PDB file of N, CA and C in Angstrom:
ATOM      1  N   UNK A   1       0.848  -1.169   0.000  1.00  0.00           N
ATOM      2  CA  UNK A   1       0.000   0.000   0.000  1.00  0.00           C
ATOM      3  C   UNK A   1       0.897   1.236   0.000  1.00  0.00           C
ATOM      4  N   UNK A   2       0.564   2.218  -0.821  1.00  0.00           N
ATOM      5  CA  UNK A   2       1.351   3.439  -0.894  1.00  0.00           C
ATOM      6  C   UNK A   2       1.281   4.193   0.425  1.00  0.00           C
ATOM      7  N   UNK A   3       2.341   4.961   0.669  1.00  0.00           N
ATOM      8  CA  UNK A   3       2.426   5.687   1.938  1.00  0.00           C
ATOM      9  C   UNK A   3       1.265   6.667   2.100  1.00  0.00           C
ATOM     10  N   UNK A   4       0.899   7.382   1.030  1.00  0.00           N
ATOM     11  CA  UNK A   4      -0.210   8.335   1.112  1.00  0.00           C
ATOM     12  C   UNK A   4      -1.527   7.628   1.376  1.00  0.00           C
ATOM     13  N   UNK A   5      -1.703   6.453   0.817  1.00  0.00           N
ATOM     14  CA  UNK A   5      -2.935   5.692   1.054  1.00  0.00           C
ATOM     15  C   UNK A   5      -3.026   5.269   2.514  1.00  0.00           C
ATOM     16  N   UNK A   6      -1.898   4.841   3.083  1.00  0.00           N
ATOM     17  CA  UNK A   6      -1.931   4.445   4.490  1.00  0.00           C
ATOM     18  C   UNK A   6      -2.180   5.659   5.378  1.00  0.00           C
ATOM     19  N   UNK A   7      -1.659   6.813   4.995  1.00  0.00           N
ATOM     20  CA  UNK A   7      -1.899   8.037   5.768  1.00  0.00           C
ATOM     21  C   UNK A   7      -3.365   8.426   5.728  1.00  0.00           C
ATOM     22  N   UNK A   8      -3.977   8.290   4.563  1.00  0.00           N
ATOM     23  CA  UNK A   8      -5.399   8.609   4.445  1.00  0.00           C
ATOM     24  C   UNK A   8      -6.226   7.664   5.304  1.00  0.00           C
ATOM     25  N   UNK A   9      -5.848   6.386   5.328  1.00  0.00           N
ATOM     26  CA  UNK A   9      -6.557   5.432   6.182  1.00  0.00           C
ATOM     27  C   UNK A   9      -6.408   5.792   7.654  1.00  0.00           C
ATOM     28  N   UNK A  10      -5.217   6.246   8.041  1.00  0.00           N
ATOM     29  CA  UNK A  10      -5.009   6.656   9.430  1.00  0.00           C
ATOM     30  C   UNK A  10      -5.914   7.824   9.788  1.00  0.00           C
ATOM     31  N   UNK A  11      -6.082   8.766   8.878  1.00  0.00           N
ATOM     32  CA  UNK A  11      -6.965   9.912   9.132  1.00  0.00           C
ATOM     33  C   UNK A  11      -8.409   9.445   9.296  1.00  0.00           C
ATOM     34  N   UNK A  12      -8.818   8.465   8.508  1.00  0.00           N
ATOM     35  CA  UNK A  12     -10.187   7.956   8.589  1.00  0.00           C
ATOM     36  C   UNK A  12     -10.452   7.239   9.905  1.00  0.00           C
ATOM     37  N   UNK A  13      -9.412   6.731  10.544  1.00  0.00           N
ATOM     38  CA  UNK A  13      -9.574   6.001  11.805  1.00  0.00           C
ATOM     39  C   UNK A  13      -9.772   6.924  13.004  1.00  0.00           C
ATOM     40  N   UNK A  14      -9.565   8.210  12.820  1.00  0.00           N
ATOM     41  CA  UNK A  14      -9.702   9.145  13.934  1.00  0.00           C
ATOM     42  C   UNK A  14     -11.161   9.218  14.365  1.00  0.00           C
ATOM     43  N   UNK A  15     -11.395   9.008  15.634  1.00  0.00           N
ATOM     44  CA  UNK A  15     -12.737   8.974  16.206  1.00  0.00           C
ATOM     45  C   UNK A  15     -13.406  10.340  16.058  1.00  0.00           C
ATOM     46  N   UNK A  16     -14.478  10.446  15.250  1.00  0.00           N
ATOM     47  CA  UNK A  16     -15.098  11.759  15.022  1.00  0.00           C
ATOM     48  C   UNK A  16     -15.723  12.368  16.278  1.00  0.00           C
ATOM     49  N   UNK A  17     -16.204  11.541  17.182  1.00  0.00           N
ATOM     50  CA  UNK A  17     -16.791  12.079  18.417  1.00  0.00           C
ATOM     51  C   UNK A  17     -15.727  12.715  19.293  1.00  0.00           C
ATOM     52  N   UNK A  18     -14.587  12.053  19.427  1.00  0.00           N
ATOM     53  CA  UNK A  18     -13.525  12.579  20.281  1.00  0.00           C
ATOM     54  C   UNK A  18     -12.661  13.618  19.577  1.00  0.00           C
ATOM     55  N   UNK A  19     -12.737  13.701  18.253  1.00  0.00           N
ATOM     56  CA  UNK A  19     -11.958  14.705  17.533  1.00  0.00           C
ATOM     57  C   UNK A  19     -12.587  16.091  17.626  1.00  0.00           C
ATOM     58  N   UNK A  20     -13.828  16.178  18.073  1.00  0.00           N
ATOM     59  CA  UNK A  20     -14.424  17.481  18.341  1.00  0.00           C
ATOM     60  C   UNK A  20     -13.571  18.159  19.411  1.00  0.00           C
ATOM     61  N   UNK A  21     -13.210  19.407  19.201  1.00  0.00           N
ATOM     62  CA  UNK A  21     -12.253  20.087  20.086  1.00  0.00           C
ATOM     63  C   UNK A  21     -12.685  20.083  21.551  1.00  0.00           C
ATOM     64  N   UNK A  22     -13.931  20.405  21.819  1.00  0.00           N
ATOM     65  CA  UNK A  22     -14.376  20.477  23.217  1.00  0.00           C
ATOM     66  C   UNK A  22     -14.468  19.089  23.840  1.00  0.00           C
ATOM     67  N   UNK A  23     -14.948  18.108  23.084  1.00  0.00           N
ATOM     68  CA  UNK A  23     -15.010  16.751  23.625  1.00  0.00           C
ATOM     69  C   UNK A  23     -13.608  16.187  23.839  1.00  0.00           C
ATOM     70  N   UNK A  24     -12.674  16.541  22.950  1.00  0.00           N
ATOM     71  CA  UNK A  24     -11.288  16.108  23.123  1.00  0.00           C
ATOM     72  C   UNK A  24     -10.706  16.704  24.406  1.00  0.00           C
ATOM     73  N   UNK A  25     -10.975  17.980  24.666  1.00  0.00           N
ATOM     74  CA  UNK A  25     -10.478  18.620  25.893  1.00  0.00           C
ATOM     75  C   UNK A  25     -11.095  18.002  27.141  1.00  0.00           C
ATOM     76  N   UNK A  26     -12.384  17.717  27.086  1.00  0.00           N
ATOM     77  CA  UNK A  26     -13.051  17.078  28.227  1.00  0.00           C
ATOM     78  C   UNK A  26     -12.419  15.714  28.487  1.00  0.00           C
ATOM     79  N   UNK A  27     -12.302  14.908  27.431  1.00  0.00           N
ATOM     80  CA  UNK A  27     -11.737  13.561  27.579  1.00  0.00           C
ATOM     81  C   UNK A  27     -10.286  13.620  28.055  1.00  0.00           C
ATOM     82  N   UNK A  28      -9.514  14.559  27.522  1.00  0.00           N
ATOM     83  CA  UNK A  28      -8.113  14.692  27.929  1.00  0.00           C
ATOM     84  C   UNK A  28      -8.011  15.048  29.405  1.00  0.00           C
ATOM     85  N   UNK A  29      -8.830  15.980  29.847  1.00  0.00           N
ATOM     86  CA  UNK A  29      -8.816  16.386  31.256  1.00  0.00           C
ATOM     87  C   UNK A  29      -9.165  15.207  32.158  1.00  0.00           C
ATOM     88  N   UNK A  30     -10.208  14.473  31.798  1.00  0.00           N
ATOM     89  CA  UNK A  30     -10.620  13.328  32.611  1.00  0.00           C
ATOM     90  C   UNK A  30      -9.577  12.212  32.565  1.00  0.00           C
ATOM     91  N   UNK A  31      -8.940  12.020  31.423  1.00  0.00           N
ATOM     92  CA  UNK A  31      -7.914  10.986  31.276  1.00  0.00           C
ATOM     93  C   UNK A  31      -6.690  11.314  32.138  1.00  0.00           C
ATOM     94  N   UNK A  32      -6.271  12.567  32.101  1.00  0.00           N
ATOM     95  CA  UNK A  32      -5.055  12.967  32.816  1.00  0.00           C
ATOM     96  C   UNK A  32      -5.260  13.166  34.312  1.00  0.00           C
ATOM     97  N   UNK A  33      -6.424  13.694  34.691  1.00  0.00           N
ATOM     98  CA  UNK A  33      -6.625  14.104  36.080  1.00  0.00           C
ATOM     99  C   UNK A  33      -7.699  13.318  36.821  1.00  0.00           C
ATOM    100  N   UNK A  34      -8.355  12.392  36.138  1.00  0.00           N
ATOM    101  CA  UNK A  34      -9.370  11.589  36.801  1.00  0.00           C
ATOM    102  C   UNK A  34     -10.702  12.310  36.904  1.00  0.00           C
ATOM    103  N   UNK A  35     -11.637  11.728  37.652  1.00  0.00           N
ATOM    104  CA  UNK A  35     -12.987  12.292  37.765  1.00  0.00           C
ATOM    105  C   UNK A  35     -12.966  13.750  38.229  1.00  0.00           C
ATOM    106  N   UNK A  36     -13.857  14.534  37.642  1.00  0.00           N
ATOM    107  CA  UNK A  36     -13.985  15.954  37.980  1.00  0.00           C
ATOM    108  C   UNK A  36     -15.462  16.308  38.080  1.00  0.00           C
ATOM    109  N   UNK A  37     -15.758  17.322  38.881  1.00  0.00           N
ATOM    110  CA  UNK A  37     -17.135  17.811  38.917  1.00  0.00           C
ATOM    111  C   UNK A  37     -17.379  18.616  37.646  1.00  0.00           C
ATOM    112  N   UNK A  38     -18.657  18.787  37.329  1.00  0.00           N
ATOM    113  CA  UNK A  38     -18.989  19.606  36.167  1.00  0.00           C
ATOM    114  C   UNK A  38     -18.430  21.015  36.330  1.00  0.00           C
ATOM    115  N   UNK A  39     -18.524  21.563  37.547  1.00  0.00           N
ATOM    116  CA  UNK A  39     -18.012  22.918  37.796  1.00  0.00           C
ATOM    117  C   UNK A  39     -16.503  22.990  37.563  1.00  0.00           C
ATOM    118  N   UNK A  40     -15.784  21.963  37.962  1.00  0.00           N
ATOM    119  CA  UNK A  40     -14.335  21.938  37.735  1.00  0.00           C
ATOM    120  C   UNK A  40     -14.022  21.906  36.244  1.00  0.00           C
ATOM    121  N   UNK A  41     -14.808  21.162  35.476  1.00  0.00           N
ATOM    122  CA  UNK A  41     -14.593  21.100  34.027  1.00  0.00           C
ATOM    123  C   UNK A  41     -14.879  22.444  33.372  1.00  0.00           C
ATOM    124  N   UNK A  42     -15.981  23.081  33.764  1.00  0.00           N
ATOM    125  CA  UNK A  42     -16.318  24.394  33.205  1.00  0.00           C
ATOM    126  C   UNK A  42     -15.180  25.379  33.460  1.00  0.00           C
ATOM    127  N   UNK A  43     -14.688  25.389  34.678  1.00  0.00           N
ATOM    128  CA  UNK A  43     -13.622  26.327  35.047  1.00  0.00           C
ATOM    129  C   UNK A  43     -12.305  25.979  34.354  1.00  0.00           C
ATOM    130  N   UNK A  44     -11.909  24.718  34.393  1.00  0.00           N
ATOM    131  CA  UNK A  44     -10.622  24.302  33.825  1.00  0.00           C
ATOM    132  C   UNK A  44     -10.557  24.501  32.314  1.00  0.00           C
ATOM    133  N   UNK A  45     -11.685  24.284  31.642  1.00  0.00           N
ATOM    134  CA  UNK A  45     -11.689  24.333  30.179  1.00  0.00           C
ATOM    135  C   UNK A  45     -12.210  25.649  29.621  1.00  0.00           C
ATOM    136  N   UNK A  46     -12.662  26.530  30.504  1.00  0.00           N
ATOM    137  CA  UNK A  46     -13.221  27.828  30.083  1.00  0.00           C
ATOM    138  C   UNK A  46     -14.310  27.650  29.030  1.00  0.00           C
ATOM    139  N   UNK A  47     -15.234  26.742  29.314  1.00  0.00           N
ATOM    140  CA  UNK A  47     -16.372  26.543  28.423  1.00  0.00           C
ATOM    141  C   UNK A  47     -17.648  26.859  29.191  1.00  0.00           C
ATOM    142  N   UNK A  48     -18.718  27.114  28.453  1.00  0.00           N
ATOM    143  CA  UNK A  48     -19.990  27.447  29.093  1.00  0.00           C
ATOM    144  C   UNK A  48     -20.654  26.178  29.614  1.00  0.00           C
ATOM    145  N   UNK A  49     -21.608  26.380  30.513  1.00  0.00           N
ATOM    146  CA  UNK A  49     -22.369  25.243  31.035  1.00  0.00           C
ATOM    147  C   UNK A  49     -23.125  24.548  29.906  1.00  0.00           C
ATOM    148  N   UNK A  50     -23.648  25.321  28.961  1.00  0.00           N
ATOM    149  CA  UNK A  50     -24.365  24.740  27.824  1.00  0.00           C
ATOM    150  C   UNK A  50     -23.465  23.874  26.961  1.00  0.00           C
ATOM    151  N   UNK A  51     -22.253  24.387  26.685  1.00  0.00           N
ATOM    152  CA  UNK A  51     -21.282  23.596  25.913  1.00  0.00           C
ATOM    153  C   UNK A  51     -20.922  22.311  26.642  1.00  0.00           C
ATOM    154  N   UNK A  52     -20.695  22.426  27.950  1.00  0.00           N
ATOM    155  CA  UNK A  52     -20.355  21.232  28.723  1.00  0.00           C
ATOM    156  C   UNK A  52     -21.489  20.222  28.653  1.00  0.00           C
ATOM    157  N   UNK A  53     -22.710  20.685  28.878  1.00  0.00           N
ATOM    158  CA  UNK A  53     -23.861  19.784  28.887  1.00  0.00           C
ATOM    159  C   UNK A  53     -24.034  19.063  27.555  1.00  0.00           C
ATOM    160  N   UNK A  54     -23.996  19.812  26.456  1.00  0.00           N
ATOM    161  CA  UNK A  54     -24.222  19.175  25.152  1.00  0.00           C
ATOM    162  C   UNK A  54     -23.096  18.206  24.791  1.00  0.00           C
ATOM    163  N   UNK A  55     -21.863  18.557  25.134  1.00  0.00           N
ATOM    164  CA  UNK A  55     -20.743  17.665  24.817  1.00  0.00           C
ATOM    165  C   UNK A  55     -20.695  16.452  25.728  1.00  0.00           C
ATOM    166  N   UNK A  56     -21.048  16.625  26.999  1.00  0.00           N
ATOM    167  CA  UNK A  56     -21.131  15.458  27.885  1.00  0.00           C
ATOM    168  C   UNK A  56     -22.240  14.516  27.432  1.00  0.00           C
ATOM    169  N   UNK A  57     -23.336  15.081  26.937  1.00  0.00           N
ATOM    170  CA  UNK A  57     -24.434  14.237  26.448  1.00  0.00           C
ATOM    171  C   UNK A  57     -23.949  13.356  25.304  1.00  0.00           C
ATOM    172  N   UNK A  58     -23.204  13.939  24.363  1.00  0.00           N
ATOM    173  CA  UNK A  58     -22.679  13.153  23.236  1.00  0.00           C
ATOM    174  C   UNK A  58     -21.726  12.070  23.725  1.00  0.00           C
ATOM    175  N   UNK A  59     -20.847  12.422  24.659  1.00  0.00           N
ATOM    176  CA  UNK A  59     -19.899  11.442  25.195  1.00  0.00           C
ATOM    177  C   UNK A  59     -20.619  10.344  25.972  1.00  0.00           C
ATOM    178  N   UNK A  60     -21.663  10.719  26.691  1.00  0.00           N
ATOM    179  CA  UNK A  60     -22.455   9.744  27.454  1.00  0.00           C
ATOM    180  C   UNK A  60     -23.193   8.797  26.508  1.00  0.00           C
ATOM    181  N   UNK A  61     -23.767   9.341  25.425  1.00  0.00           N
ATOM    182  CA  UNK A  61     -24.480   8.512  24.444  1.00  0.00           C
ATOM    183  C   UNK A  61     -23.560   7.470  23.815  1.00  0.00           C
ATOM    184  N   UNK A  62     -22.296   7.800  23.645  1.00  0.00           N
ATOM    185  CA  UNK A  62     -21.320   6.862  23.074  1.00  0.00           C
ATOM    186  C   UNK A  62     -20.750   5.915  24.123  1.00  0.00           C
ATOM    187  N   UNK A  63     -21.099   6.146  25.383  1.00  0.00           N
ATOM    188  CA  UNK A  63     -20.592   5.288  26.447  1.00  0.00           C
ATOM    189  C   UNK A  63     -19.189   5.642  26.902  1.00  0.00           C
ATOM    190  N   UNK A  64     -18.738   6.868  26.613  1.00  0.00           N
ATOM    191  CA  UNK A  64     -17.380   7.281  26.953  1.00  0.00           C
ATOM    192  C   UNK A  64     -17.261   7.890  28.347  1.00  0.00           C
ATOM    193  N   UNK A  65     -18.348   8.456  28.868  1.00  0.00           N
ATOM    194  CA  UNK A  65     -18.315   9.037  30.218  1.00  0.00           C
ATOM    195  C   UNK A  65     -19.536   8.574  30.990  1.00  0.00           C
ATOM    196  N   UNK A  66     -19.413   8.665  32.309  1.00  0.00           N
ATOM    197  CA  UNK A  66     -20.568   8.455  33.169  1.00  0.00           C
ATOM    198  C   UNK A  66     -20.564   9.546  34.222  1.00  0.00           C
ATOM    199  N   UNK A  67     -21.758   9.878  34.668  1.00  0.00           N
ATOM    200  CA  UNK A  67     -21.919  10.928  35.663  1.00  0.00           C
ATOM    201  C   UNK A  67     -22.550  10.340  36.912  1.00  0.00           C
ATOM    202  N   UNK A  68     -22.138  10.888  38.038  1.00  0.00           N
ATOM    203  CA  UNK A  68     -22.647  10.396  39.314  1.00  0.00           C
ATOM    204  C   UNK A  68     -22.937  11.596  40.204  1.00  0.00           C
ATOM    205  N   UNK A  69     -24.103  11.601  40.826  1.00  0.00           N
ATOM    206  CA  UNK A  69     -24.452  12.662  41.770  1.00  0.00           C
ATOM    207  C   UNK A  69     -23.821  12.330  43.116  1.00  0.00           C
ATOM    208  N   UNK A  70     -23.151  13.308  43.709  1.00  0.00           N
ATOM    209  CA  UNK A  70     -22.543  13.130  45.029  1.00  0.00           C
ATOM    210  C   UNK A  70     -22.932  14.317  45.907  1.00  0.00           C
ATOM    211  N   UNK A  71     -22.940  14.080  47.199  1.00  0.00           N
ATOM    212  CA  UNK A  71     -23.223  15.150  48.142  1.00  0.00           C
ATOM    213  C   UNK A  71     -21.927  15.557  48.816  1.00  0.00           C
ATOM    214  N   UNK A  72     -21.667  16.859  48.816  1.00  0.00           N
ATOM    215  CA  UNK A  72     -20.463  17.401  49.437  1.00  0.00           C
ATOM    216  C   UNK A  72     -20.879  18.416  50.494  1.00  0.00           C
ATOM    217  N   UNK A  73     -19.906  18.939  51.212  1.00  0.00           N
ATOM    218  CA  UNK A  73     -20.207  19.969  52.208  1.00  0.00           C
ATOM    219  C   UNK A  73     -20.740  21.237  51.549  1.00  0.00           C
ATOM    220  N   UNK A  74     -20.491  21.383  50.254  1.00  0.00           N
ATOM    221  CA  UNK A  74     -20.987  22.538  49.503  1.00  0.00           C
ATOM    222  C   UNK A  74     -22.322  22.259  48.829  1.00  0.00           C
ATOM    223  N   UNK A  75     -22.845  21.067  49.016  1.00  0.00           N
ATOM    224  CA  UNK A  75     -24.111  20.689  48.398  1.00  0.00           C
ATOM    225  C   UNK A  75     -23.901  19.627  47.334  1.00  0.00           C
ATOM    226  N   UNK A  76     -24.977  19.280  46.629  1.00  0.00           N
ATOM    227  CA  UNK A  76     -24.871  18.223  45.621  1.00  0.00           C
ATOM    228  C   UNK A  76     -24.014  18.664  44.433  1.00  0.00           C
ATOM    229  N   UNK A  77     -23.260  17.720  43.909  1.00  0.00           N
ATOM    230  CA  UNK A  77     -22.412  17.958  42.739  1.00  0.00           C
ATOM    231  C   UNK A  77     -22.534  16.761  41.804  1.00  0.00           C
ATOM    232  N   UNK A  78     -22.251  17.011  40.530  1.00  0.00           N
ATOM    233  CA  UNK A  78     -22.202  15.932  39.550  1.00  0.00           C
ATOM    234  C   UNK A  78     -20.748  15.691  39.184  1.00  0.00           C
ATOM    235  N   UNK A  79     -20.296  14.462  39.414  1.00  0.00           N
ATOM    236  CA  UNK A  79     -18.917  14.077  39.090  1.00  0.00           C
ATOM    237  C   UNK A  79     -18.937  13.305  37.775  1.00  0.00           C
ATOM    238  N   UNK A  80     -18.007  13.645  36.910  1.00  0.00           N
ATOM    239  CA  UNK A  80     -17.903  13.023  35.590  1.00  0.00           C
ATOM    240  C   UNK A  80     -16.611  12.225  35.534  1.00  0.00           C
ATOM    241  N   UNK A  81     -16.683  11.023  34.960  1.00  0.00           N
ATOM    242  CA  UNK A  81     -15.465  10.224  34.774  1.00  0.00           C
ATOM    243  C   UNK A  81     -15.541   9.477  33.458  1.00  0.00           C
ATOM    244  N   UNK A  82     -14.370   9.159  32.927  1.00  0.00           N
ATOM    245  CA  UNK A  82     -14.306   8.328  31.727  1.00  0.00           C
ATOM    246  C   UNK A  82     -14.657   6.896  32.105  1.00  0.00           C
ATOM    247  N   UNK A  83     -15.415   6.245  31.250  1.00  0.00           N
ATOM    248  CA  UNK A  83     -15.684   4.821  31.431  1.00  0.00           C
ATOM    249  C   UNK A  83     -14.483   4.043  30.900  1.00  0.00           C
ATOM    250  N   UNK A  84     -14.485   2.739  31.112  1.00  0.00           N
ATOM    251  CA  UNK A  84     -13.417   1.907  30.536  1.00  0.00           C
ATOM    252  C   UNK A  84     -13.388   2.071  29.021  1.00  0.00           C
ATOM    253  N   UNK A  85     -14.572   2.113  28.415  1.00  0.00           N
ATOM    254  CA  UNK A  85     -14.644   2.301  26.962  1.00  0.00           C
ATOM    255  C   UNK A  85     -14.075   3.665  26.572  1.00  0.00           C
ATOM    256  N   UNK A  86     -14.387   4.693  27.364  1.00  0.00           N
ATOM    257  CA  UNK A  86     -13.866   6.029  27.097  1.00  0.00           C
ATOM    258  C   UNK A  86     -12.350   6.072  27.163  1.00  0.00           C
ATOM    259  N   UNK A  87     -11.784   5.402  28.162  1.00  0.00           N
ATOM    260  CA  UNK A  87     -10.321   5.337  28.298  1.00  0.00           C
ATOM    261  C   UNK A  87      -9.726   4.635  27.082  1.00  0.00           C
ATOM    262  N   UNK A  88     -10.323   3.520  26.675  1.00  0.00           N
ATOM    263  CA  UNK A  88      -9.813   2.763  25.525  1.00  0.00           C
ATOM    264  C   UNK A  88      -9.891   3.587  24.244  1.00  0.00           C
ATOM    265  N   UNK A  89     -11.032   4.236  24.011  1.00  0.00           N
ATOM    266  CA  UNK A  89     -11.199   5.026  22.787  1.00  0.00           C
ATOM    267  C   UNK A  89     -10.268   6.234  22.773  1.00  0.00           C
ATOM    268  N   UNK A  90     -10.092   6.859  23.934  1.00  0.00           N
ATOM    269  CA  UNK A  90      -9.186   8.006  24.014  1.00  0.00           C
ATOM    270  C   UNK A  90      -7.750   7.556  23.728  1.00  0.00           C
ATOM    271  N   UNK A  91      -7.311   6.480  24.354  1.00  0.00           N
ATOM    272  CA  UNK A  91      -5.950   5.972  24.142  1.00  0.00           C
ATOM    273  C   UNK A  91      -5.742   5.582  22.677  1.00  0.00           C
ATOM    274  N   UNK A  92      -6.751   4.976  22.076  1.00  0.00           N
ATOM    275  CA  UNK A  92      -6.675   4.590  20.661  1.00  0.00           C
ATOM    276  C   UNK A  92      -6.536   5.837  19.784  1.00  0.00           C
ATOM    277  N   UNK A  93      -7.323   6.875  20.082  1.00  0.00           N
ATOM    278  CA  UNK A  93      -7.246   8.116  19.318  1.00  0.00           C
ATOM    279  C   UNK A  93      -5.860   8.741  19.439  1.00  0.00           C
ATOM    280  N   UNK A  94      -5.310   8.775  20.632  1.00  0.00           N
ATOM    281  CA  UNK A  94      -3.982   9.353  20.834  1.00  0.00           C
ATOM    282  C   UNK A  94      -2.945   8.592  20.004  1.00  0.00           C
ATOM    283  N   UNK A  95      -3.037   7.273  19.967  1.00  0.00           N
ATOM    284  CA  UNK A  95      -2.099   6.482  19.157  1.00  0.00           C
ATOM    285  C   UNK A  95      -2.259   6.800  17.673  1.00  0.00           C
ATOM    286  N   UNK A  96      -3.494   6.935  17.210  1.00  0.00           N
ATOM    287  CA  UNK A  96      -3.730   7.275  15.802  1.00  0.00           C
ATOM    288  C   UNK A  96      -3.193   8.670  15.490  1.00  0.00           C
ATOM    289  N   UNK A  97      -3.378   9.613  16.413  1.00  0.00           N
ATOM    290  CA  UNK A  97      -2.852  10.967  16.213  1.00  0.00           C
ATOM    291  C   UNK A  97      -1.327  10.961  16.153  1.00  0.00           C
ATOM    292  N   UNK A  98      -0.695  10.124  16.965  1.00  0.00           N
ATOM    293  CA  UNK A  98       0.767  10.010  16.925  1.00  0.00           C
ATOM    294  C   UNK A  98       1.230   9.555  15.546  1.00  0.00           C
ATOM    295  N   UNK A  99       0.506   8.597  14.953  1.00  0.00           N
ATOM    296  CA  UNK A  99       0.870   8.115  13.617  1.00  0.00           C
ATOM    297  C   UNK A  99       0.748   9.233  12.591  1.00  0.00           C
ATOM    298  N   UNK A 100      -0.350   9.978  12.664  1.00  0.00           N
ATOM    299  CA  UNK A 100      -0.557  11.086  11.729  1.00  0.00           C
ATOM    300  C   UNK A 100       0.548  12.124  11.907  1.00  0.00           C
ATOM    301  N   UNK A 101       0.858  12.456  13.151  1.00  0.00           N
ATOM    302  CA  UNK A 101       1.901  13.452  13.414  1.00  0.00           C
ATOM    303  C   UNK A 101       3.272  12.981  12.949  1.00  0.00           C
ATOM    304  N   UNK A 102       3.527  11.681  13.025  1.00  0.00           N
ATOM    305  CA  UNK A 102       4.824  11.185  12.552  1.00  0.00           C
ATOM    306  C   UNK A 102       4.949  11.372  11.041  1.00  0.00           C
ATOM    307  N   UNK A 103       3.835  11.224  10.325  1.00  0.00           N
ATOM    308  CA  UNK A 103       3.861  11.462   8.879  1.00  0.00           C
ATOM    309  C   UNK A 103       4.081  12.944   8.592  1.00  0.00           C
ATOM    310  N   UNK A 104       3.451  13.788   9.375  1.00  0.00           N
ATOM    311  CA  UNK A 104       3.606  15.231   9.180  1.00  0.00           C
ATOM    312  C   UNK A 104       5.047  15.644   9.462  1.00  0.00           C
ATOM    313  N   UNK A 105       5.613  15.145  10.547  1.00  0.00           N
ATOM    314  CA  UNK A 105       6.988  15.531  10.898  1.00  0.00           C
ATOM    315  C   UNK A 105       8.006  14.991   9.896  1.00  0.00           C
ATOM    316  N   UNK A 106       7.648  13.915   9.184  1.00  0.00           N
ATOM    317  CA  UNK A 106       8.563  13.387   8.168  1.00  0.00           C
ATOM    318  C   UNK A 106       8.386  14.099   6.832  1.00  0.00           C
ATOM    319  N   UNK A 107       7.462  15.063   6.788  1.00  0.00           N
ATOM    320  CA  UNK A 107       7.262  15.845   5.573  1.00  0.00           C
ATOM    321  C   UNK A 107       6.306  15.224   4.585  1.00  0.00           C
ATOM    322  N   UNK A 108       5.694  14.124   4.952  1.00  0.00           N
ATOM    323  CA  UNK A 108       4.754  13.463   4.050  1.00  0.00           C
ATOM    324  C   UNK A 108       3.439  14.224   4.033  1.00  0.00           C
ATOM    325  N   UNK A 109       2.908  14.415   2.855  1.00  0.00           N
ATOM    326  CA  UNK A 109       1.606  15.063   2.730  1.00  0.00           C
ATOM    327  C   UNK A 109       0.520  14.004   2.774  1.00  0.00           C
ATOM    328  N   UNK A 110      -0.554  14.325   3.468  1.00  0.00           N
ATOM    329  CA  UNK A 110      -1.703  13.426   3.511  1.00  0.00           C
ATOM    330  C   UNK A 110      -2.627  13.814   2.375  1.00  0.00           C
ATOM    331  N   UNK A 111      -2.961  12.857   1.529  1.00  0.00           N
ATOM    332  CA  UNK A 111      -3.847  13.192   0.408  1.00  0.00           C
ATOM    333  C   UNK A 111      -5.049  12.298   0.388  1.00  0.00           C
TER     334      UNK A 111
END
């Protein structure tokens, strides 16, 4: 298989749900730092509550995150965490991105 053909296939393997910029940031934050409250995600990522809600809904529909209501001294909070499937899909995406970046750094054009 030609190098450009394999590069195009690598691009096609990129998970479209996680390649969305805001969903990628949410997944990255949860992957690196573990479960976070919705408020922590809004603050850390500088996104609106509406953006967080709609993107978490998409991630939840795909089975990538789960939410749990917890009670704290500050009142009820919603904690978000990556599911096992979310961790696997995120790790797979990162590996695919590494392959794409290696082609870019070698000067190969993706066509």
